[in-house]
C-alpha atoms as a PDB file:
ATOM      1  CA  MET A   1      87.025  87.882  86.186  1.00  0.00           C
ATOM      2  CA  ALA A   2      90.730  87.903  87.071  1.00  0.00           C
ATOM      3  CA  HIS A   3      92.386  85.267  89.734  1.00  0.00           C
ATOM      4  CA  SER A   4      93.149  86.690  92.780  1.00  0.00           C
ATOM      5  CA  GLY A   5      96.814  85.281  91.812  1.00  0.00           C
ATOM      6  CA  GLU A   6      96.713  87.344  88.399  1.00  0.00           C
ATOM      7  CA  VAL A   7      95.463  90.581  90.442  1.00  0.00           C
ATOM      8  CA  ARG A   8      98.485  90.198  92.770  1.00  0.00           C
ATOM      9  CA  ARG A   9     100.837  90.064  90.202  1.00  0.00           C
ATOM     10  CA  ILE A  10      99.384  92.481  88.097  1.00  0.00           C
ATOM     11  CA  ALA A  11      99.623  95.030  91.137  1.00  0.00           C
ATOM     12  CA  LEU A  12     102.794  94.155  91.979  1.00  0.00           C
ATOM     13  CA  ASP A  13     104.052  94.768  88.483  1.00  0.00           C
ATOM     14  CA  ARG A  14     102.316  98.309  88.296  1.00  0.00           C
ATOM     15  CA  ILE A  15     103.665  99.081  91.930  1.00  0.00           C
ATOM     16  CA  ALA A  16     107.481  98.683  90.942  1.00  0.00           C
ATOM     17  CA  ARG A  17     107.027 100.588  87.472  1.00  0.00           C
ATOM     18  CA  LEU A  18     105.261 103.473  89.558  1.00  0.00           C
ATOM     19  CA  MET A  19     108.133 103.408  92.322  1.00  0.00           C
ATOM     20  CA  GLU A  20     110.528 103.354  89.259  1.00  0.00           C
ATOM     21  CA  PHE A  21     108.772 106.365  87.897  1.00  0.00           C
ATOM     22  CA  ALA A  22     108.538 108.422  91.336  1.00  0.00           C
ATOM     23  CA  ARG A  23     112.867 107.787  91.556  1.00  0.00           C
ATOM     24  CA  ARG A  24     113.461 108.844  88.513  1.00  0.00           C
ATOM     25  CA  HIS A  25     111.046 112.042  88.265  1.00  0.00           C
ATOM     26  CA  ALA A  26     111.585 112.968  92.267  1.00  0.00           C
ATOM     27  CA  VAL A  27     113.813 115.702  91.172  1.00  0.00           C
ATOM     28  CA  GLU A  28     112.752 117.531  88.579  1.00  0.00           C
ATOM     29  CA  ARG A  29     109.054 116.930  88.715  1.00  0.00           C
ATOM     30  CA  PRO A  30     108.394 116.108  92.740  1.00  0.00           C
ATOM     31  CA  GLU A  31     104.406 116.485  92.057  1.00  0.00           C
ATOM     32  CA  LEU A  32     104.210 113.769  89.749  1.00  0.00           C
ATOM     33  CA  ALA A  33     106.540 111.280  92.200  1.00  0.00           C
ATOM     34  CA  ARG A  34     103.998 112.470  94.975  1.00  0.00           C
ATOM     35  CA  GLU A  35     100.930 111.305  92.437  1.00  0.00           C
ATOM     36  CA  ALA A  36     102.657 107.986  91.544  1.00  0.00           C
ATOM     37  CA  GLY A  37     103.103 107.288  95.314  1.00  0.00           C
ATOM     38  CA  ASN A  38      99.560 107.794  95.635  1.00  0.00           C
ATOM     39  CA  LEU A  39      98.574 105.629  93.005  1.00  0.00           C
ATOM     40  CA  VAL A  40     100.693 103.078  94.843  1.00  0.00           C
ATOM     41  CA  LEU A  41      98.505 103.237  97.854  1.00  0.00           C
ATOM     42  CA  ARG A  42      95.516 103.206  95.951  1.00  0.00           C
ATOM     43  CA  ILE A  43      96.392 100.108  93.884  1.00  0.00           C
ATOM     44  CA  CYS A  44      97.614  98.120  97.292  1.00  0.00           C
ATOM     45  CA  GLY A  45      94.117  99.084  99.087  1.00  0.00           C
ATOM     46  CA  LYS A  46      92.239  97.981  95.653  1.00  0.00           C
ATOM     47  CA  ALA A  47      94.039  95.039  95.291  1.00  0.00           C
ATOM     48  CA  ARG A  48      94.106  94.301  98.770  1.00  0.00           C
ATOM     49  CA  ILE A  49      97.716  93.241  99.151  1.00  0.00           C
ATOM     50  CA  ARG A  50     100.323  94.757 101.507  1.00  0.00           C
ATOM     51  CA  LEU A  51     102.794  97.175  99.840  1.00  0.00           C
ATOM     52  CA  PRO A  52     106.229  94.859  99.284  1.00  0.00           C
ATOM     53  CA  LYS A  53     108.853  95.303 101.998  1.00  0.00           C
ATOM     54  CA  THR A  54     111.334  96.934  99.195  1.00  0.00           C
ATOM     55  CA  TYR A  55     109.291  99.810  99.292  1.00  0.00           C
ATOM     56  CA  ARG A  56     107.350  99.890 102.354  1.00  0.00           C
ATOM     57  CA  ARG A  57     110.129 102.127 103.835  1.00  0.00           C
ATOM     58  CA  LEU A  58     110.439 104.403 100.609  1.00  0.00           C
ATOM     59  CA  ILE A  59     106.767 105.792 100.774  1.00  0.00           C
ATOM     60  CA  CYS A  60     105.001 107.610 103.186  1.00  0.00           C
ATOM     61  CA  ARG A  61     101.846 105.492 104.153  1.00  0.00           C
ATOM     62  CA  LYS A  62      99.391 108.459 104.942  1.00  0.00           C
ATOM     63  CA  CYS A  63     100.239 110.879 102.330  1.00  0.00           C
ATOM     64  CA  GLY A  64     102.056 108.639  99.721  1.00  0.00           C
ATOM     65  CA  THR A  65     105.028 110.914  99.482  1.00  0.00           C
ATOM     66  CA  PRO A  66     108.129 108.914  98.063  1.00  0.00           C
ATOM     67  CA  PHE A  67     111.366 109.504 100.250  1.00  0.00           C
ATOM     68  CA  TYR A  68     112.759 109.993  96.898  1.00  0.00           C
ATOM     69  CA  ILE A  69     111.901 113.859  96.955  1.00  0.00           C
ATOM     70  CA  PRO A  70     114.924 115.548  98.811  1.00  0.00           C
ATOM     71  CA  GLY A  71     113.618 117.381 101.652  1.00  0.00           C
ATOM     72  CA  SER A  72     110.240 115.408 101.921  1.00  0.00           C
ATOM     73  CA  PHE A  73     111.491 113.485 105.073  1.00  0.00           C
ATOM     74  CA  ARG A  74     113.567 113.980 108.133  1.00  0.00           C
ATOM     75  CA  VAL A  75     115.286 111.105 109.810  1.00  0.00           C
ATOM     76  CA  ARG A  76     116.505 110.814 113.323  1.00  0.00           C
ATOM     77  CA  VAL A  77     118.128 108.103 115.662  1.00  0.00           C
ATOM     78  CA  ARG A  78     116.623 107.750 119.266  1.00  0.00           C
ATOM     79  CA  SER A  79     118.272 105.769 121.702  1.00  0.00           C
ATOM     80  CA  GLY A  80     116.158 105.852 124.752  1.00  0.00           C
ATOM     81  CA  ARG A  81     114.420 102.848 126.255  1.00  0.00           C
ATOM     82  CA  SER A  82     115.183 101.187 122.641  1.00  0.00           C
ATOM     83  CA  THR A  83     117.309 102.263 119.769  1.00  0.00           C
ATOM     84  CA  HIS A  84     115.201 103.364 116.785  1.00  0.00           C
ATOM     85  CA  ILE A  85     114.893 105.241 113.658  1.00  0.00           C
ATOM     86  CA  VAL A  86     112.220 108.032 113.256  1.00  0.00           C
ATOM     87  CA  ILE A  87     111.386 109.152 109.773  1.00  0.00           C
ATOM     88  CA  THR A  88     108.908 111.787 109.782  1.00  0.00           C
ATOM     89  CA  CYS A  89     107.299 112.984 106.728  1.00  0.00           C
ATOM     90  CA  VAL A  90     107.392 116.662 106.033  1.00  0.00           C
ATOM     91  CA  THR A  91     104.313 116.803 103.932  1.00  0.00           C
ATOM     92  CA  CYS A  92     101.984 114.968 106.188  1.00  0.00           C
ATOM     93  CA  GLY A  93     103.683 114.690 109.703  1.00  0.00           C
ATOM     94  CA  TYR A  94     103.261 111.056 109.685  1.00  0.00           C
ATOM     95  CA  ILE A  95     105.973 109.281 111.781  1.00  0.00           C
ATOM     96  CA  LYS A  96     107.738 105.930 111.071  1.00  0.00           C
ATOM     97  CA  ARG A  97     109.470 104.231 113.740  1.00  0.00           C
ATOM     98  CA  ILE A  98     111.754 101.362 112.661  1.00  0.00           C
ATOM     99  CA  PRO A  99     113.988  99.672 115.435  1.00  0.00           C
ATOM    100  CA  ALA A 100     117.588  99.430 114.948  1.00  0.00           C
ATOM    101  CA  VAL A 101     118.341  96.914 117.804  1.00  0.00           C
ATOM    102  CA  ARG A 102     120.197  94.512 115.539  1.00  0.00           C
ATOM    103  CA  GLU A 103     122.619  97.225 114.463  1.00  0.00           C
ATOM    104  CA  LYS A 104     123.235  98.144 117.825  1.00  0.00           C
ATOM    105  CA  LEU A 105     124.156  94.444 119.000  1.00  0.00           C
ATOM    106  CA  ALA A 106     126.194  94.015 115.553  1.00  0.00           C
ATOM    107  CA  ARG A 107     128.072  97.326 117.031  1.00  0.00           C
ATOM    108  CA  ALA A 108     128.372  95.867 120.480  1.00  0.00           C
ATOM    109  CA  LYS A 109     130.002  92.392 119.415  1.00  0.00           C
ATOM    110  CA  GLY A 110     132.445  93.938 116.589  1.00  0.00           C
END
């Protein structure tokens, strides 16, 4: 049986390889990129690790569609109560909201 640190290292290595694969094949073969995204989510679940921050905003948490695929997502900026970025997956409809307060404060100061 492998140690949990070793399992984590192997899982992170495979996630990095799959995300690179998805990026390379997103335009000409989007179905392959989607499959790679699904595999990334399955690996995270099986190894019981969180998706690394570098990839968290590049993949849909619900269906695994990588946002490298052109037209697979929609980005909007909302400035209601708090300024935030809304990323909507066109494939499954999952909505991801990212706070954009720091960027707004930096612009106000500058």
